[in-house]
Amino acid sequence: MEDDDYVPVGDALSGLTVSPLPDGWTALGAIILVKCFDDEGRSSWAFRRTDGLNDEELLGALMVRTDLLRRELLDAYTDDDEEEG
């Protein structure tokens, strides 16, 4: 499939569900990291993004999400240490 061959997200990820956006919000684009089995049955990852996201938006969103996740993981780790000590 070419990079410009786009299908509706529901068609591409049939059977998967996500939590909905808050009431009144309108989806403009998405970054999608999909854990899947490849054609040989091995666990793998596929990365997709919707049409209309530029590279700067993509990088910014991934950096912010990475920083937030790093903070959550660090908080969980330090909370566990505090409970044990």
PDB file of N, CA and C in Angstrom:
ATOM      1  N   MET A   1       0.849  -1.184   0.000  1.00  0.00           N
ATOM      2  CA  MET A   1       0.000   0.000   0.000  1.00  0.00           C
ATOM      3  C   MET A   1       0.884   1.234   0.000  1.00  0.00           C
ATOM      4  N   GLU A   2       0.558   2.177  -0.829  1.00  0.00           N
ATOM      5  CA  GLU A   2       1.296   3.428  -0.922  1.00  0.00           C
ATOM      6  C   GLU A   2       0.931   4.346   0.235  1.00  0.00           C
ATOM      7  N   ASP A   3       1.822   5.289   0.568  1.00  0.00           N
ATOM      8  CA  ASP A   3       1.577   6.227   1.655  1.00  0.00           C
ATOM      9  C   ASP A   3       0.339   7.081   1.425  1.00  0.00           C
ATOM     10  N   ASP A   4      -0.050   7.282   0.175  1.00  0.00           N
ATOM     11  CA  ASP A   4      -1.213   8.132  -0.095  1.00  0.00           C
ATOM     12  C   ASP A   4      -2.489   7.326  -0.331  1.00  0.00           C
ATOM     13  N   ASP A   5      -2.468   6.031  -0.067  1.00  0.00           N
ATOM     14  CA  ASP A   5      -3.662   5.189  -0.154  1.00  0.00           C
ATOM     15  C   ASP A   5      -4.325   5.157   1.216  1.00  0.00           C
ATOM     16  N   TYR A   6      -5.286   6.043   1.440  1.00  0.00           N
ATOM     17  CA  TYR A   6      -5.926   6.142   2.749  1.00  0.00           C
ATOM     18  C   TYR A   6      -7.301   5.495   2.726  1.00  0.00           C
ATOM     19  N   VAL A   7      -7.638   4.846   3.847  1.00  0.00           N
ATOM     20  CA  VAL A   7      -8.959   4.256   4.049  1.00  0.00           C
ATOM     21  C   VAL A   7      -9.469   4.761   5.393  1.00  0.00           C
ATOM     22  N   PRO A   8     -10.776   4.691   5.662  1.00  0.00           N
ATOM     23  CA  PRO A   8     -11.280   5.095   6.974  1.00  0.00           C
ATOM     24  C   PRO A   8     -10.616   4.291   8.090  1.00  0.00           C
ATOM     25  N   VAL A   9     -10.354   4.953   9.213  1.00  0.00           N
ATOM     26  CA  VAL A   9      -9.663   4.311  10.332  1.00  0.00           C
ATOM     27  C   VAL A   9     -10.372   3.026  10.755  1.00  0.00           C
ATOM     28  N   GLY A  10     -11.694   3.062  10.816  1.00  0.00           N
ATOM     29  CA  GLY A  10     -12.449   1.875  11.202  1.00  0.00           C
ATOM     30  C   GLY A  10     -12.231   0.705  10.251  1.00  0.00           C
ATOM     31  N   ASP A  11     -11.997   0.997   8.970  1.00  0.00           N
ATOM     32  CA  ASP A  11     -11.715  -0.067   8.005  1.00  0.00           C
ATOM     33  C   ASP A  11     -10.305  -0.614   8.189  1.00  0.00           C
ATOM     34  N   ALA A  12      -9.348   0.271   8.471  1.00  0.00           N
ATOM     35  CA  ALA A  12      -7.961  -0.148   8.619  1.00  0.00           C
ATOM     36  C   ALA A  12      -7.739  -0.932   9.903  1.00  0.00           C
ATOM     37  N   LEU A  13      -8.487  -0.592  10.949  1.00  0.00           N
ATOM     38  CA  LEU A  13      -8.287  -1.216  12.265  1.00  0.00           C
ATOM     39  C   LEU A  13      -9.556  -1.912  12.736  1.00  0.00           C
ATOM     40  N   SER A  14     -10.147  -2.646  11.851  1.00  0.00           N
ATOM     41  CA  SER A  14     -11.401  -3.329  12.126  1.00  0.00           C
ATOM     42  C   SER A  14     -11.319  -4.163  13.396  1.00  0.00           C
ATOM     43  N   GLY A  15     -12.307  -3.988  14.261  1.00  0.00           N
ATOM     44  CA  GLY A  15     -12.384  -4.774  15.486  1.00  0.00           C
ATOM     45  C   GLY A  15     -11.727  -4.119  16.690  1.00  0.00           C
ATOM     46  N   LEU A  16     -10.889  -3.103  16.483  1.00  0.00           N
ATOM     47  CA  LEU A  16     -10.268  -2.410  17.610  1.00  0.00           C
ATOM     48  C   LEU A  16     -11.172  -1.270  18.064  1.00  0.00           C
ATOM     49  N   THR A  17     -11.097  -0.953  19.352  1.00  0.00           N
ATOM     50  CA  THR A  17     -11.896   0.149  19.882  1.00  0.00           C
ATOM     51  C   THR A  17     -10.977   1.121  20.611  1.00  0.00           C
ATOM     52  N   VAL A  18     -11.398   2.372  20.677  1.00  0.00           N
ATOM     53  CA  VAL A  18     -10.692   3.412  21.429  1.00  0.00           C
ATOM     54  C   VAL A  18     -11.723   4.215  22.200  1.00  0.00           C
ATOM     55  N   SER A  19     -11.260   4.902  23.231  1.00  0.00           N
ATOM     56  CA  SER A  19     -12.186   5.753  23.974  1.00  0.00           C
ATOM     57  C   SER A  19     -12.548   6.961  23.108  1.00  0.00           C
ATOM     58  N   PRO A  20     -13.784   7.427  23.206  1.00  0.00           N
ATOM     59  CA  PRO A  20     -14.233   8.526  22.345  1.00  0.00           C
ATOM     60  C   PRO A  20     -13.666   9.864  22.805  1.00  0.00           C
ATOM     61  N   LEU A  21     -13.678  10.825  21.901  1.00  0.00           N
ATOM     62  CA  LEU A  21     -13.321  12.196  22.236  1.00  0.00           C
ATOM     63  C   LEU A  21     -14.416  12.795  23.116  1.00  0.00           C
ATOM     64  N   PRO A  22     -14.082  13.815  23.886  1.00  0.00           N
ATOM     65  CA  PRO A  22     -15.119  14.482  24.688  1.00  0.00           C
ATOM     66  C   PRO A  22     -16.220  15.064  23.799  1.00  0.00           C
ATOM     67  N   ASP A  23     -17.405  15.215  24.348  1.00  0.00           N
ATOM     68  CA  ASP A  23     -18.520  15.807  23.603  1.00  0.00           C
ATOM     69  C   ASP A  23     -18.117  17.167  23.055  1.00  0.00           C
ATOM     70  N   GLY A  24     -18.475  17.411  21.811  1.00  0.00           N
ATOM     71  CA  GLY A  24     -18.202  18.690  21.177  1.00  0.00           C
ATOM     72  C   GLY A  24     -16.863  18.777  20.466  1.00  0.00           C
ATOM     73  N   TRP A  25     -15.979  17.792  20.650  1.00  0.00           N
ATOM     74  CA  TRP A  25     -14.687  17.796  19.983  1.00  0.00           C
ATOM     75  C   TRP A  25     -14.825  17.188  18.592  1.00  0.00           C
ATOM     76  N   THR A  26     -14.005  17.647  17.638  1.00  0.00           N
ATOM     77  CA  THR A  26     -14.007  17.149  16.266  1.00  0.00           C
ATOM     78  C   THR A  26     -12.613  16.635  15.915  1.00  0.00           C
ATOM     79  N   ALA A  27     -12.520  15.396  15.499  1.00  0.00           N
ATOM     80  CA  ALA A  27     -11.228  14.800  15.126  1.00  0.00           C
ATOM     81  C   ALA A  27     -10.701  15.447  13.854  1.00  0.00           C
ATOM     82  N   LEU A  28      -9.411  15.819  13.875  1.00  0.00           N
ATOM     83  CA  LEU A  28      -8.759  16.408  12.707  1.00  0.00           C
ATOM     84  C   LEU A  28      -7.652  15.514  12.151  1.00  0.00           C
ATOM     85  N   GLY A  29      -7.054  14.717  13.000  1.00  0.00           N
ATOM     86  CA  GLY A  29      -5.963  13.849  12.577  1.00  0.00           C
ATOM     87  C   GLY A  29      -5.643  12.873  13.677  1.00  0.00           C
ATOM     88  N   ALA A  30      -4.854  11.867  13.342  1.00  0.00           N
ATOM     89  CA  ALA A  30      -4.508  10.848  14.336  1.00  0.00           C
ATOM     90  C   ALA A  30      -3.132  10.269  14.048  1.00  0.00           C
ATOM     91  N   ILE A  31      -2.479   9.890  15.131  1.00  0.00           N
ATOM     92  CA  ILE A  31      -1.226   9.154  15.096  1.00  0.00           C
ATOM     93  C   ILE A  31      -1.561   7.785  15.681  1.00  0.00           C
ATOM     94  N   ILE A  32      -1.220   6.727  14.966  1.00  0.00           N
ATOM     95  CA  ILE A  32      -1.658   5.406  15.379  1.00  0.00           C
ATOM     96  C   ILE A  32      -0.470   4.448  15.424  1.00  0.00           C
ATOM     97  N   LEU A  33      -0.220   3.872  16.584  1.00  0.00           N
ATOM     98  CA  LEU A  33       0.791   2.842  16.744  1.00  0.00           C
ATOM     99  C   LEU A  33       0.041   1.552  17.047  1.00  0.00           C
ATOM    100  N   VAL A  34       0.191   0.572  16.202  1.00  0.00           N
ATOM    101  CA  VAL A  34      -0.619  -0.643  16.275  1.00  0.00           C
ATOM    102  C   VAL A  34       0.264  -1.852  16.559  1.00  0.00           C
ATOM    103  N   LYS A  35      -0.036  -2.538  17.658  1.00  0.00           N
ATOM    104  CA  LYS A  35       0.633  -3.816  17.930  1.00  0.00           C
ATOM    105  C   LYS A  35      -0.143  -4.877  17.165  1.00  0.00           C
ATOM    106  N   CYS A  36       0.572  -5.670  16.403  1.00  0.00           N
ATOM    107  CA  CYS A  36      -0.112  -6.625  15.532  1.00  0.00           C
ATOM    108  C   CYS A  36       0.773  -7.848  15.292  1.00  0.00           C
ATOM    109  N   PHE A  37       0.202  -8.825  14.641  1.00  0.00           N
ATOM    110  CA  PHE A  37       0.958  -9.961  14.159  1.00  0.00           C
ATOM    111  C   PHE A  37       1.239  -9.727  12.686  1.00  0.00           C
ATOM    112  N   ASP A  38       2.490  -9.961  12.264  1.00  0.00           N
ATOM    113  CA  ASP A  38       2.814  -9.807  10.854  1.00  0.00           C
ATOM    114  C   ASP A  38       2.323 -11.029  10.075  1.00  0.00           C
ATOM    115  N   ASP A  39       2.626 -11.068   8.790  1.00  0.00           N
ATOM    116  CA  ASP A  39       2.117 -12.144   7.936  1.00  0.00           C
ATOM    117  C   ASP A  39       2.721 -13.508   8.260  1.00  0.00           C
ATOM    118  N   GLU A  40       3.741 -13.537   9.120  1.00  0.00           N
ATOM    119  CA  GLU A  40       4.326 -14.811   9.551  1.00  0.00           C
ATOM    120  C   GLU A  40       3.972 -15.148  10.993  1.00  0.00           C
ATOM    121  N   GLY A  41       3.054 -14.357  11.594  1.00  0.00           N
ATOM    122  CA  GLY A  41       2.587 -14.637  12.939  1.00  0.00           C
ATOM    123  C   GLY A  41       3.451 -14.090  14.059  1.00  0.00           C
ATOM    124  N   ARG A  42       4.451 -13.270  13.709  1.00  0.00           N
ATOM    125  CA  ARG A  42       5.314 -12.672  14.728  1.00  0.00           C
ATOM    126  C   ARG A  42       4.706 -11.361  15.210  1.00  0.00           C
ATOM    127  N   SER A  43       4.857 -11.101  16.521  1.00  0.00           N
ATOM    128  CA  SER A  43       4.395  -9.844  17.083  1.00  0.00           C
ATOM    129  C   SER A  43       5.241  -8.709  16.518  1.00  0.00           C
ATOM    130  N   SER A  44       4.576  -7.652  16.086  1.00  0.00           N
ATOM    131  CA  SER A  44       5.279  -6.549  15.458  1.00  0.00           C
ATOM    132  C   SER A  44       4.521  -5.253  15.710  1.00  0.00           C
ATOM    133  N   TRP A  45       5.066  -4.144  15.255  1.00  0.00           N
ATOM    134  CA  TRP A  45       4.433  -2.841  15.390  1.00  0.00           C
ATOM    135  C   TRP A  45       4.286  -2.207  14.014  1.00  0.00           C
ATOM    136  N   ALA A  46       3.164  -1.514  13.822  1.00  0.00           N
ATOM    137  CA  ALA A  46       2.933  -0.751  12.601  1.00  0.00           C
ATOM    138  C   ALA A  46       2.595   0.676  13.012  1.00  0.00           C
ATOM    139  N   PHE A  47       3.128   1.634  12.309  1.00  0.00           N
ATOM    140  CA  PHE A  47       2.870   3.043  12.593  1.00  0.00           C
ATOM    141  C   PHE A  47       2.094   3.634  11.428  1.00  0.00           C
ATOM    142  N   ARG A  48       1.018   4.338  11.748  1.00  0.00           N
ATOM    143  CA  ARG A  48       0.220   5.008  10.727  1.00  0.00           C
ATOM    144  C   ARG A  48      -0.149   6.399  11.222  1.00  0.00           C
ATOM    145  N   ARG A  49      -0.416   7.280  10.285  1.00  0.00           N
ATOM    146  CA  ARG A  49      -0.935   8.602  10.620  1.00  0.00           C
ATOM    147  C   ARG A  49      -1.941   8.988   9.552  1.00  0.00           C
ATOM    148  N   THR A  50      -2.881   9.805   9.955  1.00  0.00           N
ATOM    149  CA  THR A  50      -3.898  10.233   9.009  1.00  0.00           C
ATOM    150  C   THR A  50      -3.348  11.327   8.108  1.00  0.00           C
ATOM    151  N   ASP A  51      -4.000  11.506   7.004  1.00  0.00           N
ATOM    152  CA  ASP A  51      -3.650  12.570   6.073  1.00  0.00           C
ATOM    153  C   ASP A  51      -3.859  13.919   6.756  1.00  0.00           C
ATOM    154  N   GLY A  52      -3.017  14.865   6.476  1.00  0.00           N
ATOM    155  CA  GLY A  52      -3.211  16.207   6.990  1.00  0.00           C
ATOM    156  C   GLY A  52      -2.336  16.579   8.169  1.00  0.00           C
ATOM    157  N   LEU A  53      -1.567  15.645   8.725  1.00  0.00           N
ATOM    158  CA  LEU A  53      -0.630  15.978   9.800  1.00  0.00           C
ATOM    159  C   LEU A  53       0.734  16.254   9.191  1.00  0.00           C
ATOM    160  N   ASN A  54       1.319  17.412   9.535  1.00  0.00           N
ATOM    161  CA  ASN A  54       2.665  17.672   9.025  1.00  0.00           C
ATOM    162  C   ASN A  54       3.704  17.111   9.990  1.00  0.00           C
ATOM    163  N   ASP A  55       4.946  17.074   9.557  1.00  0.00           N
ATOM    164  CA  ASP A  55       6.000  16.461  10.360  1.00  0.00           C
ATOM    165  C   ASP A  55       6.228  17.193  11.681  1.00  0.00           C
ATOM    166  N   GLU A  56       6.076  18.512  11.695  1.00  0.00           N
ATOM    167  CA  GLU A  56       6.272  19.274  12.929  1.00  0.00           C
ATOM    168  C   GLU A  56       5.197  18.933  13.960  1.00  0.00           C
ATOM    169  N   GLU A  57       3.946  18.828  13.528  1.00  0.00           N
ATOM    170  CA  GLU A  57       2.866  18.429  14.439  1.00  0.00           C
ATOM    171  C   GLU A  57       3.106  17.021  14.965  1.00  0.00           C
ATOM    172  N   LEU A  58       3.494  16.137  14.086  1.00  0.00           N
ATOM    173  CA  LEU A  58       3.746  14.753  14.460  1.00  0.00           C
ATOM    174  C   LEU A  58       4.863  14.667  15.496  1.00  0.00           C
ATOM    175  N   LEU A  59       5.990  15.320  15.244  1.00  0.00           N
ATOM    176  CA  LEU A  59       7.105  15.292  16.179  1.00  0.00           C
ATOM    177  C   LEU A  59       6.712  15.907  17.519  1.00  0.00           C
ATOM    178  N   GLY A  60       6.037  17.041  17.499  1.00  0.00           N
ATOM    179  CA  GLY A  60       5.618  17.691  18.738  1.00  0.00           C
ATOM    180  C   GLY A  60       4.699  16.812  19.564  1.00  0.00           C
ATOM    181  N   ALA A  61       3.723  16.206  18.922  1.00  0.00           N
ATOM    182  CA  ALA A  61       2.779  15.343  19.633  1.00  0.00           C
ATOM    183  C   ALA A  61       3.481  14.128  20.230  1.00  0.00           C
ATOM    184  N   LEU A  62       4.384  13.528  19.481  1.00  0.00           N
ATOM    185  CA  LEU A  62       5.104  12.363  19.991  1.00  0.00           C
ATOM    186  C   LEU A  62       6.036  12.741  21.141  1.00  0.00           C
ATOM    187  N   MET A  63       6.669  13.887  21.063  1.00  0.00           N
ATOM    188  CA  MET A  63       7.557  14.322  22.144  1.00  0.00           C
ATOM    189  C   MET A  63       6.771  14.602  23.426  1.00  0.00           C
ATOM    190  N   VAL A  64       5.643  15.295  23.300  1.00  0.00           N
ATOM    191  CA  VAL A  64       4.823  15.589  24.475  1.00  0.00           C
ATOM    192  C   VAL A  64       4.320  14.298  25.097  1.00  0.00           C
ATOM    193  N   ARG A  65       3.804  13.381  24.275  1.00  0.00           N
ATOM    194  CA  ARG A  65       3.282  12.118  24.808  1.00  0.00           C
ATOM    195  C   ARG A  65       4.393  11.297  25.465  1.00  0.00           C
ATOM    196  N   THR A  66       5.581  11.291  24.860  1.00  0.00           N
ATOM    197  CA  THR A  66       6.716  10.575  25.432  1.00  0.00           C
ATOM    198  C   THR A  66       7.092  11.154  26.792  1.00  0.00           C
ATOM    199  N   ASP A  67       7.158  12.476  26.891  1.00  0.00           N
ATOM    200  CA  ASP A  67       7.490  13.119  28.168  1.00  0.00           C
ATOM    201  C   ASP A  67       6.446  12.809  29.240  1.00  0.00           C
ATOM    202  N   LEU A  68       5.175  12.859  28.874  1.00  0.00           N
ATOM    203  CA  LEU A  68       4.115  12.554  29.839  1.00  0.00           C
ATOM    204  C   LEU A  68       4.180  11.101  30.299  1.00  0.00           C
ATOM    205  N   LEU A  69       4.404  10.197  29.378  1.00  0.00           N
ATOM    206  CA  LEU A  69       4.503   8.783  29.726  1.00  0.00           C
ATOM    207  C   LEU A  69       5.722   8.528  30.613  1.00  0.00           C
ATOM    208  N   ARG A  70       6.836   9.166  30.285  1.00  0.00           N
ATOM    209  CA  ARG A  70       8.042   9.026  31.103  1.00  0.00           C
ATOM    210  C   ARG A  70       7.763   9.488  32.534  1.00  0.00           C
ATOM    211  N   ARG A  71       7.054  10.605  32.679  1.00  0.00           N
ATOM    212  CA  ARG A  71       6.724  11.123  34.007  1.00  0.00           C
ATOM    213  C   ARG A  71       5.806  10.154  34.757  1.00  0.00           C
ATOM    214  N   GLU A  72       4.795   9.618  34.074  1.00  0.00           N
ATOM    215  CA  GLU A  72       3.886   8.663  34.703  1.00  0.00           C
ATOM    216  C   GLU A  72       4.628   7.419  35.179  1.00  0.00           C
ATOM    217  N   LEU A  73       5.528   6.907  34.351  1.00  0.00           N
ATOM    218  CA  LEU A  73       6.285   5.716  34.719  1.00  0.00           C
ATOM    219  C   LEU A  73       7.225   5.998  35.888  1.00  0.00           C
ATOM    220  N   LEU A  74       7.858   7.156  35.882  1.00  0.00           N
ATOM    221  CA  LEU A  74       8.739   7.522  36.987  1.00  0.00           C
ATOM    222  C   LEU A  74       7.946   7.683  38.278  1.00  0.00           C
ATOM    223  N   ASP A  75       6.785   8.329  38.196  1.00  0.00           N
ATOM    224  CA  ASP A  75       5.935   8.479  39.381  1.00  0.00           C
ATOM    225  C   ASP A  75       5.505   7.119  39.926  1.00  0.00           C
ATOM    226  N   ALA A  76       5.129   6.203  39.044  1.00  0.00           N
ATOM    227  CA  ALA A  76       4.714   4.870  39.475  1.00  0.00           C
ATOM    228  C   ALA A  76       5.885   4.135  40.125  1.00  0.00           C
ATOM    229  N   TYR A  77       7.057   4.279  39.570  1.00  0.00           N
ATOM    230  CA  TYR A  77       8.242   3.617  40.113  1.00  0.00           C
ATOM    231  C   TYR A  77       8.601   4.193  41.477  1.00  0.00           C
ATOM    232  N   THR A  78       8.602   5.515  41.605  1.00  0.00           N
ATOM    233  CA  THR A  78       8.979   6.130  42.885  1.00  0.00           C
ATOM    234  C   THR A  78       7.896   5.908  43.929  1.00  0.00           C
ATOM    235  N   ASP A  79       6.626   5.852  43.537  1.00  0.00           N
ATOM    236  CA  ASP A  79       5.547   5.538  44.482  1.00  0.00           C
ATOM    237  C   ASP A  79       5.719   4.139  45.051  1.00  0.00           C
ATOM    238  N   ASP A  80       6.111   3.170  44.204  1.00  0.00           N
ATOM    239  CA  ASP A  80       6.342   1.802  44.655  1.00  0.00           C
ATOM    240  C   ASP A  80       7.480   1.755  45.665  1.00  0.00           C
ATOM    241  N   ASP A  81       8.559   2.499  45.400  1.00  0.00           N
ATOM    242  CA  ASP A  81       9.692   2.530  46.318  1.00  0.00           C
ATOM    243  C   ASP A  81       9.306   3.120  47.665  1.00  0.00           C
ATOM    244  N   GLU A  82       8.488   4.160  47.656  1.00  0.00           N
ATOM    245  CA  GLU A  82       8.073   4.810  48.894  1.00  0.00           C
ATOM    246  C   GLU A  82       7.182   3.886  49.740  1.00  0.00           C
ATOM    247  N   GLU A  83       6.337   3.084  49.091  1.00  0.00           N
ATOM    248  CA  GLU A  83       5.460   2.162  49.806  1.00  0.00           C
ATOM    249  C   GLU A  83       6.267   1.054  50.464  1.00  0.00           C
ATOM    250  N   GLU A  84       7.364   0.610  49.828  1.00  0.00           N
ATOM    251  CA  GLU A  84       8.184  -0.469  50.370  1.00  0.00           C
ATOM    252  C   GLU A  84       9.051   0.014  51.524  1.00  0.00           C
ATOM    253  N   GLY A  85       9.485   1.284  51.484  1.00  0.00           N
ATOM    254  CA  GLY A  85      10.432   1.792  52.452  1.00  0.00           C
ATOM    255  C   GLY A  85       9.767   2.355  53.626  1.00  0.00           C
TER     256      GLY A  85
END
